[in-house]
Amino acid sequence: MVVTDSPEIRDTLRRIRSHGRNDDGDQVTYGHNFRMATMNAALGVAQVDKLDAMLAERQEMAAYLNDRLGDLPGVMVPRPPTDRERQYLYYNLRFDDADTQAALADHLADRGVPSRVTYQPTHLNRYYREEWGWGPGDLPVTENVAKRVLWLPFHNYLEKTELNHMVDAVRSFFEG
């Protein structure tokens, strides 16, 4: 979904969305088939009605995890800015030590808790390496952070028992 008040951007995106065709059906630019199916649109509209409750639930889960994990040494939990609300698409932990990421992921997997290493930095993906010549060391801060972040399970269907199991698994790694 794109929201804009610009007629030019709106018209350009409509053309791209529909194989590059203008309102007359003439293909005037490149494009794709990004038109949404009616069923997907109906589902999206129904979800919008639940959005506030879903976001509030995620904020509660994040606050719970922050409270239970925020005191671990060498671990940074996602803290919301004090001047605005934070919306949590993911929940991640960031570590002082880059070696912690893989070791904790293995520890959690052994306890039935899936986790995910964050995305590889974009500039290290093949397209950017081959097309633009980017490589390791070009964005050292990005590369450093990527080595020190781990995503934990985080969705609106997590039960309290699952959250507690995840917290216990993380704490057991750091507390021995």
N, C-alpha and C. Protein backbone atom coordinates (compact mmCIF):
# COMPACT_ATOMS: atom_id res chain seq x y z
N MET A 1 0.85 -1.17 0.00
CA MET A 1 0.00 0.00 0.00
C MET A 1 0.89 1.23 0.00
N VAL A 2 0.51 2.19 -0.78
CA VAL A 2 1.22 3.46 -0.82
C VAL A 2 0.20 4.56 -0.60
N VAL A 3 0.55 5.50 0.24
CA VAL A 3 -0.30 6.65 0.48
C VAL A 3 0.48 7.88 0.04
N THR A 4 -0.13 8.70 -0.80
CA THR A 4 0.53 9.91 -1.27
C THR A 4 -0.52 10.97 -1.56
N ASP A 5 -0.09 12.22 -1.48
CA ASP A 5 -0.96 13.32 -1.90
C ASP A 5 -0.50 13.88 -3.24
N SER A 6 0.43 13.18 -3.86
CA SER A 6 0.98 13.64 -5.14
C SER A 6 0.29 12.93 -6.31
N PRO A 7 -0.43 13.66 -7.15
CA PRO A 7 -1.05 13.02 -8.32
C PRO A 7 -0.03 12.38 -9.25
N GLU A 8 1.16 12.98 -9.36
CA GLU A 8 2.19 12.42 -10.24
C GLU A 8 2.67 11.06 -9.73
N ILE A 9 2.94 10.98 -8.43
CA ILE A 9 3.39 9.72 -7.85
C ILE A 9 2.28 8.68 -7.96
N ARG A 10 1.06 9.07 -7.65
CA ARG A 10 -0.09 8.16 -7.75
C ARG A 10 -0.20 7.59 -9.15
N ASP A 11 -0.15 8.44 -10.17
CA ASP A 11 -0.31 7.97 -11.55
C ASP A 11 0.85 7.08 -11.96
N THR A 12 2.07 7.43 -11.58
CA THR A 12 3.23 6.61 -11.91
C THR A 12 3.11 5.23 -11.28
N LEU A 13 2.74 5.19 -10.00
CA LEU A 13 2.62 3.90 -9.32
C LEU A 13 1.48 3.07 -9.88
N ARG A 14 0.40 3.69 -10.27
CA ARG A 14 -0.70 2.94 -10.90
C ARG A 14 -0.26 2.30 -12.20
N ARG A 15 0.54 3.03 -12.97
CA ARG A 15 1.05 2.45 -14.22
C ARG A 15 1.98 1.28 -13.94
N ILE A 16 2.90 1.46 -13.02
CA ILE A 16 3.85 0.38 -12.68
C ILE A 16 3.11 -0.83 -12.15
N ARG A 17 2.09 -0.59 -11.34
CA ARG A 17 1.29 -1.67 -10.74
C ARG A 17 0.61 -2.52 -11.80
N SER A 18 0.28 -1.93 -12.91
CA SER A 18 -0.55 -2.61 -13.91
C SER A 18 0.18 -2.72 -15.25
N HIS A 19 1.32 -3.38 -15.23
CA HIS A 19 2.11 -3.68 -16.45
C HIS A 19 2.54 -2.45 -17.22
N GLY A 20 2.61 -1.29 -16.58
CA GLY A 20 3.07 -0.08 -17.25
C GLY A 20 2.02 0.58 -18.13
N ARG A 21 0.77 0.16 -17.95
CA ARG A 21 -0.31 0.71 -18.79
C ARG A 21 -0.89 1.98 -18.16
N ASN A 22 -1.26 2.92 -19.04
CA ASN A 22 -1.96 4.11 -18.57
C ASN A 22 -3.45 3.82 -18.53
N ASP A 23 -4.26 4.83 -18.22
CA ASP A 23 -5.71 4.63 -18.09
C ASP A 23 -6.36 4.18 -19.39
N ASP A 24 -5.73 4.46 -20.53
CA ASP A 24 -6.27 4.04 -21.83
C ASP A 24 -5.89 2.61 -22.17
N GLY A 25 -5.07 1.98 -21.35
CA GLY A 25 -4.64 0.62 -21.61
C GLY A 25 -3.37 0.52 -22.43
N ASP A 26 -2.79 1.66 -22.81
CA ASP A 26 -1.56 1.68 -23.59
C ASP A 26 -0.37 1.50 -22.65
N GLN A 27 0.53 0.58 -23.00
CA GLN A 27 1.72 0.37 -22.16
C GLN A 27 2.72 1.46 -22.49
N VAL A 28 2.96 2.34 -21.48
CA VAL A 28 3.80 3.51 -21.71
C VAL A 28 5.12 3.46 -20.94
N THR A 29 5.28 2.47 -20.05
CA THR A 29 6.50 2.35 -19.26
C THR A 29 6.64 0.91 -18.81
N TYR A 30 7.72 0.61 -18.12
CA TYR A 30 7.88 -0.72 -17.55
C TYR A 30 6.83 -0.91 -16.48
N GLY A 31 6.58 -2.13 -16.13
CA GLY A 31 5.62 -2.37 -15.07
C GLY A 31 5.58 -3.83 -14.67
N HIS A 32 4.73 -4.10 -13.72
CA HIS A 32 4.58 -5.44 -13.16
C HIS A 32 3.10 -5.67 -12.90
N ASN A 33 2.77 -6.86 -12.47
CA ASN A 33 1.41 -7.15 -12.05
C ASN A 33 1.36 -7.10 -10.53
N PHE A 34 1.23 -5.89 -10.00
CA PHE A 34 1.15 -5.70 -8.56
C PHE A 34 -0.28 -5.44 -8.12
N ARG A 35 -1.24 -5.79 -8.96
CA ARG A 35 -2.63 -5.57 -8.58
C ARG A 35 -3.03 -6.59 -7.52
N MET A 36 -3.70 -6.11 -6.51
CA MET A 36 -4.10 -6.96 -5.40
C MET A 36 -5.38 -7.71 -5.76
N ALA A 37 -5.40 -8.99 -5.38
CA ALA A 37 -6.61 -9.78 -5.57
C ALA A 37 -7.70 -9.28 -4.63
N THR A 38 -8.93 -9.39 -5.04
CA THR A 38 -10.07 -8.91 -4.25
C THR A 38 -10.10 -9.55 -2.87
N MET A 39 -9.81 -10.84 -2.79
CA MET A 39 -9.83 -11.54 -1.50
C MET A 39 -8.75 -10.96 -0.57
N ASN A 40 -7.58 -10.67 -1.11
CA ASN A 40 -6.53 -10.07 -0.28
C ASN A 40 -6.94 -8.68 0.19
N ALA A 41 -7.58 -7.92 -0.67
CA ALA A 41 -8.04 -6.59 -0.28
C ALA A 41 -9.08 -6.68 0.83
N ALA A 42 -10.01 -7.64 0.72
CA ALA A 42 -11.03 -7.81 1.75
C ALA A 42 -10.40 -8.20 3.08
N LEU A 43 -9.42 -9.08 3.02
CA LEU A 43 -8.72 -9.48 4.24
C LEU A 43 -8.00 -8.28 4.85
N GLY A 44 -7.35 -7.48 4.02
CA GLY A 44 -6.66 -6.29 4.50
C GLY A 44 -7.59 -5.30 5.18
N VAL A 45 -8.75 -5.08 4.58
CA VAL A 45 -9.73 -4.16 5.16
C VAL A 45 -10.21 -4.68 6.52
N ALA A 46 -10.44 -5.99 6.61
CA ALA A 46 -10.88 -6.57 7.88
C ALA A 46 -9.78 -6.44 8.94
N GLN A 47 -8.52 -6.59 8.54
CA GLN A 47 -7.42 -6.49 9.48
C GLN A 47 -7.24 -5.06 9.99
N VAL A 48 -7.53 -4.07 9.17
CA VAL A 48 -7.40 -2.67 9.59
C VAL A 48 -8.26 -2.41 10.82
N ASP A 49 -9.44 -3.03 10.86
CA ASP A 49 -10.32 -2.85 12.02
C ASP A 49 -9.69 -3.40 13.31
N LYS A 50 -8.78 -4.35 13.17
CA LYS A 50 -8.15 -4.97 14.33
C LYS A 50 -6.77 -4.37 14.64
N LEU A 51 -6.33 -3.44 13.81
CA LEU A 51 -4.96 -2.96 13.89
C LEU A 51 -4.59 -2.39 15.26
N ASP A 52 -5.40 -1.52 15.80
CA ASP A 52 -5.06 -0.91 17.10
C ASP A 52 -4.88 -1.97 18.19
N ALA A 53 -5.77 -2.95 18.22
CA ALA A 53 -5.66 -4.01 19.23
C ALA A 53 -4.42 -4.86 19.00
N MET A 54 -4.11 -5.14 17.73
CA MET A 54 -2.93 -5.95 17.42
C MET A 54 -1.65 -5.21 17.81
N LEU A 55 -1.59 -3.93 17.53
CA LEU A 55 -0.40 -3.15 17.88
C LEU A 55 -0.24 -3.04 19.39
N ALA A 56 -1.36 -2.85 20.09
CA ALA A 56 -1.30 -2.78 21.56
C ALA A 56 -0.82 -4.10 22.14
N GLU A 57 -1.26 -5.21 21.58
CA GLU A 57 -0.82 -6.52 22.06
C GLU A 57 0.69 -6.69 21.85
N ARG A 58 1.19 -6.24 20.72
CA ARG A 58 2.62 -6.34 20.45
C ARG A 58 3.42 -5.45 21.41
N GLN A 59 2.90 -4.27 21.70
CA GLN A 59 3.58 -3.40 22.65
C GLN A 59 3.63 -4.04 24.04
N GLU A 60 2.55 -4.69 24.43
CA GLU A 60 2.53 -5.38 25.72
C GLU A 60 3.54 -6.52 25.76
N MET A 61 3.59 -7.30 24.67
CA MET A 61 4.56 -8.40 24.62
C MET A 61 5.99 -7.87 24.68
N ALA A 62 6.26 -6.81 23.93
CA ALA A 62 7.60 -6.24 23.93
C ALA A 62 7.96 -5.70 25.31
N ALA A 63 7.03 -5.04 25.96
CA ALA A 63 7.29 -4.52 27.31
C ALA A 63 7.56 -5.67 28.28
N TYR A 64 6.83 -6.75 28.15
CA TYR A 64 7.04 -7.92 28.99
C TYR A 64 8.44 -8.50 28.76
N LEU A 65 8.81 -8.67 27.49
CA LEU A 65 10.14 -9.20 27.16
C LEU A 65 11.23 -8.25 27.64
N ASN A 66 11.04 -6.95 27.43
CA ASN A 66 12.03 -5.97 27.90
C ASN A 66 12.22 -6.07 29.41
N ASP A 67 11.11 -6.22 30.12
CA ASP A 67 11.17 -6.31 31.57
C ASP A 67 11.90 -7.57 32.02
N ARG A 68 11.67 -8.67 31.32
CA ARG A 68 12.25 -9.96 31.71
C ARG A 68 13.68 -10.15 31.21
N LEU A 69 14.06 -9.43 30.13
CA LEU A 69 15.39 -9.65 29.54
C LEU A 69 16.31 -8.43 29.64
N GLY A 70 15.77 -7.29 30.01
CA GLY A 70 16.52 -6.05 29.98
C GLY A 70 17.66 -5.93 30.97
N ASP A 71 17.71 -6.84 31.95
CA ASP A 71 18.77 -6.76 32.95
C ASP A 71 19.96 -7.68 32.65
N LEU A 72 19.90 -8.39 31.52
CA LEU A 72 20.99 -9.32 31.20
C LEU A 72 22.24 -8.55 30.79
N PRO A 73 23.40 -8.92 31.32
CA PRO A 73 24.63 -8.21 30.96
C PRO A 73 25.02 -8.45 29.51
N GLY A 74 25.42 -7.39 28.84
CA GLY A 74 25.86 -7.50 27.46
C GLY A 74 24.74 -7.61 26.45
N VAL A 75 23.49 -7.37 26.89
CA VAL A 75 22.32 -7.50 26.02
C VAL A 75 21.58 -6.18 25.99
N MET A 76 21.23 -5.74 24.79
CA MET A 76 20.38 -4.56 24.63
C MET A 76 19.03 -5.01 24.09
N VAL A 77 17.97 -4.63 24.78
CA VAL A 77 16.62 -4.90 24.29
C VAL A 77 16.12 -3.66 23.57
N PRO A 78 15.14 -3.81 22.69
CA PRO A 78 14.64 -2.64 21.97
C PRO A 78 13.83 -1.72 22.89
N ARG A 79 14.35 -0.58 23.15
CA ARG A 79 13.67 0.39 24.02
C ARG A 79 12.99 1.44 23.14
N PRO A 80 11.71 1.69 23.41
CA PRO A 80 11.03 2.71 22.61
C PRO A 80 11.52 4.10 22.97
N PRO A 81 11.50 5.01 22.00
CA PRO A 81 11.85 6.40 22.31
C PRO A 81 10.82 6.96 23.29
N THR A 82 11.24 7.87 24.12
CA THR A 82 10.33 8.40 25.14
C THR A 82 9.32 9.39 24.58
N ASP A 83 9.59 9.94 23.40
CA ASP A 83 8.72 10.98 22.87
C ASP A 83 7.68 10.47 21.87
N ARG A 84 7.62 9.14 21.65
CA ARG A 84 6.62 8.61 20.73
C ARG A 84 6.44 7.12 20.96
N GLU A 85 5.39 6.56 20.36
CA GLU A 85 5.11 5.14 20.49
C GLU A 85 5.98 4.34 19.54
N ARG A 86 6.39 3.18 19.96
CA ARG A 86 7.16 2.29 19.10
C ARG A 86 6.26 1.16 18.64
N GLN A 87 6.30 0.84 17.38
CA GLN A 87 5.57 -0.31 16.86
C GLN A 87 6.57 -1.42 16.57
N TYR A 88 6.27 -2.61 17.00
CA TYR A 88 7.20 -3.73 16.92
C TYR A 88 6.78 -4.69 15.82
N LEU A 89 7.51 -4.64 14.72
CA LEU A 89 7.33 -5.65 13.69
C LEU A 89 8.07 -6.91 14.12
N TYR A 90 9.27 -6.73 14.64
CA TYR A 90 10.11 -7.81 15.13
C TYR A 90 10.54 -7.48 16.57
N TYR A 91 11.08 -8.48 17.22
CA TYR A 91 11.68 -8.26 18.52
C TYR A 91 13.09 -8.84 18.44
N ASN A 92 14.08 -7.99 18.67
CA ASN A 92 15.45 -8.47 18.57
C ASN A 92 16.25 -8.10 19.81
N LEU A 93 17.29 -8.89 20.00
CA LEU A 93 18.27 -8.60 21.04
C LEU A 93 19.55 -8.22 20.34
N ARG A 94 20.27 -7.25 20.91
CA ARG A 94 21.57 -6.87 20.38
C ARG A 94 22.61 -7.10 21.47
N PHE A 95 23.73 -7.65 21.06
CA PHE A 95 24.74 -8.08 22.01
C PHE A 95 26.00 -7.23 21.90
N ASP A 96 26.68 -7.08 23.03
CA ASP A 96 27.97 -6.40 23.03
C ASP A 96 29.01 -7.22 22.26
N ASP A 97 28.91 -8.54 22.38
CA ASP A 97 29.90 -9.44 21.80
C ASP A 97 29.32 -10.12 20.55
N ALA A 98 30.02 -10.03 19.42
CA ALA A 98 29.55 -10.61 18.16
C ALA A 98 29.46 -12.14 18.22
N ASP A 99 30.21 -12.79 19.09
CA ASP A 99 30.17 -14.25 19.19
C ASP A 99 28.88 -14.75 19.84
N THR A 100 28.16 -13.89 20.50
CA THR A 100 26.95 -14.29 21.21
C THR A 100 25.85 -14.71 20.26
N GLN A 101 25.74 -14.06 19.11
CA GLN A 101 24.63 -14.31 18.18
C GLN A 101 24.49 -15.80 17.85
N ALA A 102 25.53 -16.41 17.30
CA ALA A 102 25.45 -17.81 16.88
C ALA A 102 25.31 -18.74 18.07
N ALA A 103 26.03 -18.46 19.15
CA ALA A 103 25.97 -19.33 20.32
C ALA A 103 24.56 -19.33 20.94
N LEU A 104 23.95 -18.15 21.04
CA LEU A 104 22.59 -18.08 21.59
C LEU A 104 21.60 -18.74 20.64
N ALA A 105 21.74 -18.54 19.34
CA ALA A 105 20.84 -19.18 18.37
C ALA A 105 20.88 -20.69 18.53
N ASP A 106 22.07 -21.27 18.69
CA ASP A 106 22.20 -22.71 18.89
C ASP A 106 21.56 -23.14 20.21
N HIS A 107 21.81 -22.37 21.26
CA HIS A 107 21.25 -22.67 22.59
C HIS A 107 19.72 -22.67 22.52
N LEU A 108 19.15 -21.66 21.88
CA LEU A 108 17.69 -21.57 21.77
C LEU A 108 17.14 -22.73 20.94
N ALA A 109 17.79 -23.05 19.84
CA ALA A 109 17.33 -24.15 18.99
C ALA A 109 17.30 -25.46 19.77
N ASP A 110 18.30 -25.69 20.61
CA ASP A 110 18.35 -26.90 21.44
C ASP A 110 17.18 -26.96 22.41
N ARG A 111 16.58 -25.82 22.71
CA ARG A 111 15.45 -25.75 23.64
C ARG A 111 14.12 -25.52 22.93
N GLY A 112 14.12 -25.69 21.61
CA GLY A 112 12.89 -25.59 20.83
C GLY A 112 12.41 -24.18 20.59
N VAL A 113 13.32 -23.22 20.69
CA VAL A 113 12.94 -21.82 20.45
C VAL A 113 13.62 -21.37 19.16
N PRO A 114 12.82 -21.15 18.12
CA PRO A 114 13.44 -20.68 16.87
C PRO A 114 13.90 -19.23 17.02
N SER A 115 14.94 -18.90 16.33
CA SER A 115 15.41 -17.51 16.28
C SER A 115 15.92 -17.29 14.87
N ARG A 116 16.25 -16.06 14.60
CA ARG A 116 16.70 -15.76 13.24
C ARG A 116 17.78 -14.69 13.29
N VAL A 117 18.84 -14.98 12.56
CA VAL A 117 19.87 -13.98 12.38
C VAL A 117 19.28 -12.92 11.46
N THR A 118 19.56 -11.68 11.75
CA THR A 118 19.00 -10.61 10.92
C THR A 118 19.47 -10.76 9.48
N TYR A 119 18.86 -10.01 8.63
CA TYR A 119 19.23 -10.06 7.23
C TYR A 119 20.70 -9.73 7.04
N GLN A 120 21.26 -10.37 6.03
CA GLN A 120 22.62 -10.00 5.64
C GLN A 120 22.58 -8.55 5.18
N PRO A 121 23.58 -7.76 5.51
CA PRO A 121 23.57 -6.38 5.03
C PRO A 121 23.38 -6.34 3.51
N THR A 122 22.51 -5.46 3.08
CA THR A 122 22.13 -5.40 1.67
C THR A 122 23.33 -5.27 0.75
N HIS A 123 24.29 -4.47 1.13
CA HIS A 123 25.43 -4.24 0.23
C HIS A 123 26.29 -5.48 0.03
N LEU A 124 26.06 -6.53 0.84
CA LEU A 124 26.82 -7.77 0.68
C LEU A 124 26.08 -8.82 -0.13
N ASN A 125 24.85 -8.52 -0.53
CA ASN A 125 24.13 -9.43 -1.41
C ASN A 125 24.74 -9.40 -2.81
N ARG A 126 24.59 -10.49 -3.53
CA ARG A 126 25.24 -10.67 -4.82
C ARG A 126 24.99 -9.51 -5.79
N TYR A 127 23.74 -9.07 -5.90
CA TYR A 127 23.43 -8.00 -6.86
C TYR A 127 24.28 -6.76 -6.59
N TYR A 128 24.34 -6.35 -5.34
CA TYR A 128 25.09 -5.13 -5.01
C TYR A 128 26.59 -5.35 -5.12
N ARG A 129 27.04 -6.55 -4.84
CA ARG A 129 28.47 -6.83 -5.02
C ARG A 129 28.84 -6.79 -6.50
N GLU A 130 28.02 -7.47 -7.33
CA GLU A 130 28.35 -7.58 -8.75
C GLU A 130 28.04 -6.30 -9.53
N GLU A 131 26.90 -5.69 -9.25
CA GLU A 131 26.47 -4.53 -10.02
C GLU A 131 27.15 -3.25 -9.58
N TRP A 132 27.38 -3.09 -8.28
CA TRP A 132 27.88 -1.84 -7.75
C TRP A 132 29.26 -1.94 -7.11
N GLY A 133 29.79 -3.14 -7.02
CA GLY A 133 31.14 -3.30 -6.50
C GLY A 133 31.27 -3.21 -4.99
N TRP A 134 30.16 -3.31 -4.27
CA TRP A 134 30.22 -3.27 -2.82
C TRP A 134 30.84 -4.55 -2.29
N GLY A 135 31.41 -4.48 -1.11
CA GLY A 135 31.99 -5.67 -0.52
C GLY A 135 32.20 -5.52 0.97
N PRO A 136 32.69 -6.58 1.59
CA PRO A 136 32.95 -6.53 3.03
C PRO A 136 33.87 -5.36 3.38
N GLY A 137 33.53 -4.68 4.46
CA GLY A 137 34.33 -3.55 4.91
C GLY A 137 33.85 -2.21 4.40
N ASP A 138 32.97 -2.20 3.39
CA ASP A 138 32.50 -0.92 2.85
C ASP A 138 31.55 -0.20 3.81
N LEU A 139 30.79 -0.94 4.58
CA LEU A 139 29.88 -0.35 5.57
C LEU A 139 30.13 -1.06 6.91
N PRO A 140 31.21 -0.72 7.58
CA PRO A 140 31.62 -1.48 8.76
C PRO A 140 30.62 -1.43 9.92
N VAL A 141 29.94 -0.32 10.11
CA VAL A 141 28.97 -0.25 11.21
C VAL A 141 27.79 -1.19 10.93
N THR A 142 27.30 -1.16 9.71
CA THR A 142 26.21 -2.06 9.32
C THR A 142 26.62 -3.51 9.52
N GLU A 143 27.80 -3.85 9.07
CA GLU A 143 28.28 -5.23 9.18
C GLU A 143 28.46 -5.63 10.64
N ASN A 144 28.93 -4.71 11.46
CA ASN A 144 29.12 -4.99 12.88
C ASN A 144 27.79 -5.24 13.57
N VAL A 145 26.82 -4.40 13.32
CA VAL A 145 25.50 -4.57 13.95
C VAL A 145 24.86 -5.88 13.50
N ALA A 146 24.98 -6.21 12.22
CA ALA A 146 24.37 -7.44 11.71
C ALA A 146 24.91 -8.68 12.41
N LYS A 147 26.14 -8.63 12.87
CA LYS A 147 26.75 -9.76 13.56
C LYS A 147 26.34 -9.85 15.02
N ARG A 148 25.64 -8.82 15.52
CA ARG A 148 25.35 -8.77 16.95
C ARG A 148 23.85 -8.71 17.26
N VAL A 149 23.00 -9.07 16.29
CA VAL A 149 21.56 -8.98 16.49
C VAL A 149 20.92 -10.34 16.20
N LEU A 150 19.96 -10.72 17.05
CA LEU A 150 19.22 -11.96 16.86
C LEU A 150 17.74 -11.68 17.08
N TRP A 151 16.92 -12.14 16.15
CA TRP A 151 15.47 -11.97 16.27
C TRP A 151 14.89 -13.14 17.02
N LEU A 152 13.99 -12.84 17.94
CA LEU A 152 13.25 -13.85 18.67
C LEU A 152 11.86 -13.99 18.07
N PRO A 153 11.18 -15.11 18.32
CA PRO A 153 9.80 -15.24 17.82
C PRO A 153 8.95 -14.10 18.35
N PHE A 154 8.14 -13.55 17.47
CA PHE A 154 7.32 -12.40 17.88
C PHE A 154 6.15 -12.26 16.93
N HIS A 155 4.98 -12.65 17.41
CA HIS A 155 3.75 -12.51 16.62
C HIS A 155 2.56 -12.49 17.57
N ASN A 156 1.42 -12.13 17.04
CA ASN A 156 0.25 -11.91 17.88
C ASN A 156 -0.38 -13.20 18.42
N TYR A 157 0.14 -14.34 18.05
CA TYR A 157 -0.44 -15.59 18.53
C TYR A 157 0.44 -16.28 19.57
N LEU A 158 1.47 -15.60 20.04
CA LEU A 158 2.30 -16.17 21.10
C LEU A 158 1.52 -16.22 22.40
N GLU A 159 1.52 -17.37 23.01
CA GLU A 159 0.88 -17.54 24.32
C GLU A 159 1.86 -17.15 25.42
N LYS A 160 1.33 -16.82 26.57
CA LYS A 160 2.18 -16.44 27.71
C LYS A 160 3.16 -17.55 28.06
N THR A 161 2.71 -18.81 27.96
CA THR A 161 3.62 -19.92 28.26
C THR A 161 4.78 -19.97 27.26
N GLU A 162 4.52 -19.63 26.01
CA GLU A 162 5.58 -19.61 25.01
C GLU A 162 6.55 -18.46 25.27
N LEU A 163 6.01 -17.32 25.63
CA LEU A 163 6.88 -16.19 25.98
C LEU A 163 7.77 -16.54 27.17
N ASN A 164 7.18 -17.17 28.18
CA ASN A 164 7.95 -17.55 29.37
C ASN A 164 9.02 -18.58 29.03
N HIS A 165 8.69 -19.53 28.17
CA HIS A 165 9.67 -20.54 27.75
C HIS A 165 10.83 -19.87 27.02
N MET A 166 10.52 -18.92 26.15
CA MET A 166 11.55 -18.20 25.41
C MET A 166 12.44 -17.40 26.38
N VAL A 167 11.82 -16.70 27.30
CA VAL A 167 12.57 -15.92 28.29
C VAL A 167 13.47 -16.83 29.11
N ASP A 168 12.93 -17.95 29.56
CA ASP A 168 13.72 -18.88 30.36
C ASP A 168 14.91 -19.42 29.57
N ALA A 169 14.70 -19.69 28.29
CA ALA A 169 15.78 -20.21 27.44
C ALA A 169 16.87 -19.15 27.25
N VAL A 170 16.46 -17.92 27.01
CA VAL A 170 17.46 -16.84 26.85
C VAL A 170 18.21 -16.63 28.15
N ARG A 171 17.48 -16.55 29.24
CA ARG A 171 18.13 -16.31 30.54
C ARG A 171 19.09 -17.44 30.91
N SER A 172 18.70 -18.67 30.59
CA SER A 172 19.57 -19.81 30.95
C SER A 172 20.90 -19.74 30.20
N PHE A 173 20.89 -19.17 29.00
CA PHE A 173 22.14 -19.01 28.25
C PHE A 173 23.07 -18.03 28.97
N PHE A 174 22.53 -16.91 29.40
CA PHE A 174 23.37 -15.87 30.01
C PHE A 174 23.68 -16.14 31.49
N GLU A 175 22.80 -16.88 32.13
CA GLU A 175 23.01 -17.13 33.56
C GLU A 175 23.69 -18.47 33.83
N GLY A 176 23.90 -19.24 32.76
CA GLY A 176 24.58 -20.54 32.93
C GLY A 176 23.61 -21.57 33.44
